[in-house]
Amino acid sequence: MAILFSGIVMSHYTHHNLSPVTQILMQQTLRTVAFLCETCVFAFLGLSIFSFPHKFEISFVIWCIVLVLLGRAVNIFPLSYLLNFFRDHKITPKMMFIMWFSGLRGAIPYALSLHLELEPMEKRQLIGTTTIIIVLFTILLLGGGTMPLIRLIDIEDSKARKKSRKDVNLSKTEKMAREASGSYPFAHRRE
């Protein structure tokens, strides 16, 4: 957690002290590293299906999925309504539903299930198997269904989409790259 918050705080200060070229280079490098780390985590999750004996109880799995979805709803909807009191751009009920639906649960629950010190081995196997099933359910079904659901409920109307394409930049470095294109001191020197 300390590394996470240190990174968040430092990103606000260090980004502005780098040259535009270095900003773009660092952002692309960190995106690549993040993608590789995410790939390693999901490869480990996929390979772990075959790494230990499984104990499966369908009622336990169903109850866990229901409780995970209910717990997410209890967090998303009230907190979003609370945040709307302090925001200019309000979170709509459709956006809240998408945030609830698309919440992926993966590496952290699985890592926690591996480090449980339960004495009967059957309990540990049951929790590990259930965690893997929930991870696969949320990644494949909910994660795979997020984009079709967004298109189905049409979160933004067409006028808002056209306006947002002109007004919103995807990142600070993209904005700076557009502003700085051709204005670098070395951009016109080609010898």
Protein backbone atom coordinates (compact mmCIF):
# COMPACT_ATOMS: atom_id res chain seq x y z
CA MET A 1 0.00 0.00 0.00
CA ALA A 2 2.90 2.35 0.74
CA ILE A 3 4.32 1.80 -2.75
CA LEU A 4 0.89 2.41 -4.32
CA PHE A 5 0.32 5.73 -2.52
CA SER A 6 3.92 6.79 -3.04
CA GLY A 7 3.44 6.21 -6.77
CA ILE A 8 0.20 8.19 -6.83
CA VAL A 9 1.75 11.16 -4.99
CA MET A 10 4.98 11.08 -6.97
CA SER A 11 3.15 10.97 -10.31
CA HIS A 12 1.77 14.44 -9.67
CA TYR A 13 5.22 15.92 -9.05
CA THR A 14 7.66 13.97 -11.19
CA HIS A 15 5.57 14.09 -14.37
CA HIS A 16 5.94 17.86 -14.65
CA ASN A 17 9.70 17.77 -14.08
CA LEU A 18 10.38 15.57 -17.11
CA SER A 19 10.80 16.69 -20.69
CA PRO A 20 7.83 15.96 -23.01
CA VAL A 21 9.77 13.20 -24.78
CA THR A 22 10.68 11.56 -21.47
CA GLN A 23 7.09 11.83 -20.26
CA ILE A 24 5.85 9.94 -23.32
CA LEU A 25 8.66 7.39 -23.06
CA MET A 26 8.02 6.76 -19.34
CA GLN A 27 4.26 6.41 -19.83
CA GLN A 28 4.68 3.88 -22.64
CA THR A 29 7.35 1.98 -20.69
CA LEU A 30 5.17 1.76 -17.57
CA ARG A 31 2.16 0.66 -19.65
CA THR A 32 4.29 -2.12 -21.11
CA VAL A 33 5.56 -3.21 -17.68
CA ALA A 34 2.00 -3.16 -16.30
CA PHE A 35 0.79 -5.28 -19.22
CA LEU A 36 3.59 -7.81 -18.69
CA CYS A 37 2.88 -8.02 -14.94
CA GLU A 38 -0.83 -8.51 -15.60
CA THR A 39 -0.04 -11.22 -18.14
CA CYS A 40 2.19 -13.02 -15.62
CA VAL A 41 -0.54 -12.87 -12.97
CA PHE A 42 -3.17 -14.32 -15.29
CA ALA A 43 -0.77 -16.98 -16.58
CA PHE A 44 -0.09 -17.98 -12.97
CA LEU A 45 -3.83 -18.08 -12.26
CA GLY A 46 -4.43 -20.24 -15.32
CA LEU A 47 -1.62 -22.65 -14.49
CA SER A 48 -2.71 -22.88 -10.87
CA ILE A 49 -5.87 -24.68 -11.94
CA PHE A 50 -3.71 -27.76 -12.46
CA SER A 51 -1.31 -27.26 -9.53
CA PHE A 52 -3.30 -28.70 -6.64
CA PRO A 53 -6.12 -31.16 -6.03
CA HIS A 54 -9.56 -29.55 -6.03
CA LYS A 55 -12.56 -29.94 -3.76
CA PHE A 56 -15.73 -28.62 -5.35
CA GLU A 57 -19.10 -27.86 -3.77
CA ILE A 58 -21.60 -26.21 -6.11
CA SER A 59 -23.71 -24.66 -3.34
CA PHE A 60 -20.65 -23.03 -1.77
CA VAL A 61 -19.53 -21.64 -5.13
CA ILE A 62 -22.98 -20.20 -5.92
CA TRP A 63 -23.33 -18.62 -2.47
CA CYS A 64 -19.84 -17.10 -2.75
CA ILE A 65 -20.58 -15.60 -6.18
CA VAL A 66 -23.88 -14.16 -4.92
CA LEU A 67 -22.19 -12.68 -1.84
CA VAL A 68 -19.31 -11.22 -3.87
CA LEU A 69 -21.78 -9.51 -6.23
CA LEU A 70 -23.92 -8.33 -3.32
CA GLY A 71 -20.88 -6.97 -1.49
CA ARG A 72 -19.80 -5.10 -4.58
CA ALA A 73 -23.29 -3.60 -4.97
CA VAL A 74 -23.33 -2.52 -1.32
CA ASN A 75 -20.06 -0.64 -1.97
CA ILE A 76 -20.63 0.80 -5.46
CA PHE A 77 -24.14 2.24 -5.26
CA PRO A 78 -24.07 4.06 -1.89
CA LEU A 79 -20.53 5.39 -2.40
CA SER A 80 -21.39 6.63 -5.90
CA TYR A 81 -24.48 8.44 -4.60
CA LEU A 82 -22.34 9.98 -1.86
CA LEU A 83 -19.68 11.08 -4.35
CA ASN A 84 -22.32 12.70 -6.55
CA PHE A 85 -22.82 15.37 -3.89
CA PHE A 86 -19.23 16.55 -4.45
CA ARG A 87 -18.87 16.09 -8.24
CA ASP A 88 -19.76 18.34 -11.13
CA HIS A 89 -19.94 15.43 -13.56
CA LYS A 90 -22.37 13.06 -11.83
CA ILE A 91 -22.12 9.28 -11.89
CA THR A 92 -25.34 8.11 -13.54
CA PRO A 93 -27.20 4.95 -12.45
CA LYS A 94 -26.14 3.32 -15.74
CA MET A 95 -22.48 4.06 -14.97
CA MET A 96 -22.94 2.68 -11.45
CA PHE A 97 -24.39 -0.51 -12.88
CA ILE A 98 -21.44 -0.88 -15.27
CA MET A 99 -18.98 -0.32 -12.39
CA TRP A 100 -20.78 -3.03 -10.40
CA PHE A 101 -20.95 -5.44 -13.34
CA SER A 102 -17.40 -5.00 -14.60
CA GLY A 103 -15.57 -5.28 -11.29
CA LEU A 104 -12.95 -7.95 -11.82
CA ARG A 105 -11.62 -9.91 -8.89
CA GLY A 106 -8.45 -11.82 -9.60
CA ALA A 107 -4.95 -11.99 -8.18
CA ILE A 108 -5.47 -10.63 -4.68
CA PRO A 109 -8.25 -13.04 -3.61
CA TYR A 110 -6.33 -15.96 -5.06
CA ALA A 111 -3.13 -14.95 -3.26
CA LEU A 112 -5.07 -14.62 -0.02
CA SER A 113 -6.61 -18.05 -0.47
CA LEU A 114 -3.16 -19.58 -0.98
CA HIS A 115 -1.87 -18.15 2.29
CA LEU A 116 -4.70 -19.43 4.48
CA GLU A 117 -3.42 -21.72 7.19
CA LEU A 118 -6.43 -24.00 7.58
CA GLU A 119 -5.73 -27.28 9.32
CA PRO A 120 -7.93 -29.75 7.43
CA MET A 121 -6.54 -29.82 3.90
CA GLU A 122 -10.07 -30.23 2.46
CA LYS A 123 -11.09 -26.75 3.66
CA ARG A 124 -8.03 -25.17 2.08
CA GLN A 125 -8.70 -27.01 -1.19
CA LEU A 126 -12.36 -25.96 -1.13
CA ILE A 127 -11.51 -22.29 -0.65
CA GLY A 128 -8.76 -22.39 -3.31
CA THR A 129 -11.03 -24.09 -5.85
CA THR A 130 -13.92 -21.73 -5.12
CA THR A 131 -11.63 -18.71 -5.48
CA ILE A 132 -10.38 -19.91 -8.87
CA ILE A 133 -13.96 -20.49 -10.06
CA ILE A 134 -15.03 -17.01 -8.93
CA VAL A 135 -12.00 -15.46 -10.64
CA LEU A 136 -12.79 -17.30 -13.88
CA PHE A 137 -16.47 -16.34 -13.61
CA THR A 138 -15.75 -12.65 -13.08
CA ILE A 139 -13.03 -12.46 -15.72
CA LEU A 140 -14.62 -14.52 -18.49
CA LEU A 141 -18.34 -13.88 -18.06
CA LEU A 142 -18.52 -10.48 -16.42
CA GLY A 143 -15.35 -9.06 -17.97
CA GLY A 144 -16.20 -10.47 -21.40
CA GLY A 145 -19.75 -9.16 -21.16
CA THR A 146 -18.83 -5.60 -20.16
CA MET A 147 -18.43 -4.11 -23.65
CA PRO A 148 -21.61 -5.72 -25.06
CA LEU A 149 -23.49 -4.47 -21.97
CA ILE A 150 -22.14 -0.94 -22.45
CA ARG A 151 -23.33 -0.99 -26.05
CA LEU A 152 -26.68 -2.46 -25.01
CA ILE A 153 -27.56 0.13 -22.39
CA ASP A 154 -25.91 2.96 -24.39
CA ILE A 155 -24.29 4.92 -21.60
CA GLU A 156 -23.71 8.08 -23.62
CA ASP A 157 -25.95 9.60 -26.24
CA SER A 158 -24.44 10.41 -29.64
CA LYS A 159 -24.20 14.17 -29.01
CA ALA A 160 -22.26 13.64 -25.79
CA ARG A 161 -19.91 11.23 -27.59
CA LYS A 162 -19.10 13.75 -30.31
CA LYS A 163 -18.50 16.48 -27.74
CA SER A 164 -16.37 14.29 -25.49
CA ARG A 165 -14.09 13.27 -28.36
CA LYS A 166 -13.12 16.91 -28.84
CA ASP A 167 -12.86 17.92 -25.17
CA VAL A 168 -11.32 14.95 -23.37
CA ASN A 169 -7.71 13.82 -23.67
CA LEU A 170 -6.83 10.26 -22.78
CA SER A 171 -3.68 11.17 -20.88
CA LYS A 172 -1.46 14.03 -19.83
CA THR A 173 1.32 12.89 -22.12
CA GLU A 174 -1.01 12.65 -25.12
CA LYS A 175 -2.14 16.23 -24.49
CA MET A 176 1.44 17.42 -24.10
CA ALA A 177 2.53 15.54 -27.20
CA ARG A 178 -0.16 17.30 -29.24
CA GLU A 179 0.78 20.69 -27.80
CA ALA A 180 4.50 20.13 -28.18
CA SER A 181 4.56 18.54 -31.63
CA GLY A 182 7.12 20.47 -33.60
CA SER A 183 8.03 22.74 -30.69
CA TYR A 184 10.93 20.70 -29.32
CA PRO A 185 14.24 22.55 -29.52
CA PHE A 186 15.80 19.66 -31.41
CA ALA A 187 12.83 18.87 -33.67
CA HIS A 188 13.95 21.02 -36.60
CA ARG A 189 17.63 20.16 -36.45
CA ARG A 190 18.24 17.41 -38.98
CA GLU A 191 21.82 17.22 -40.05
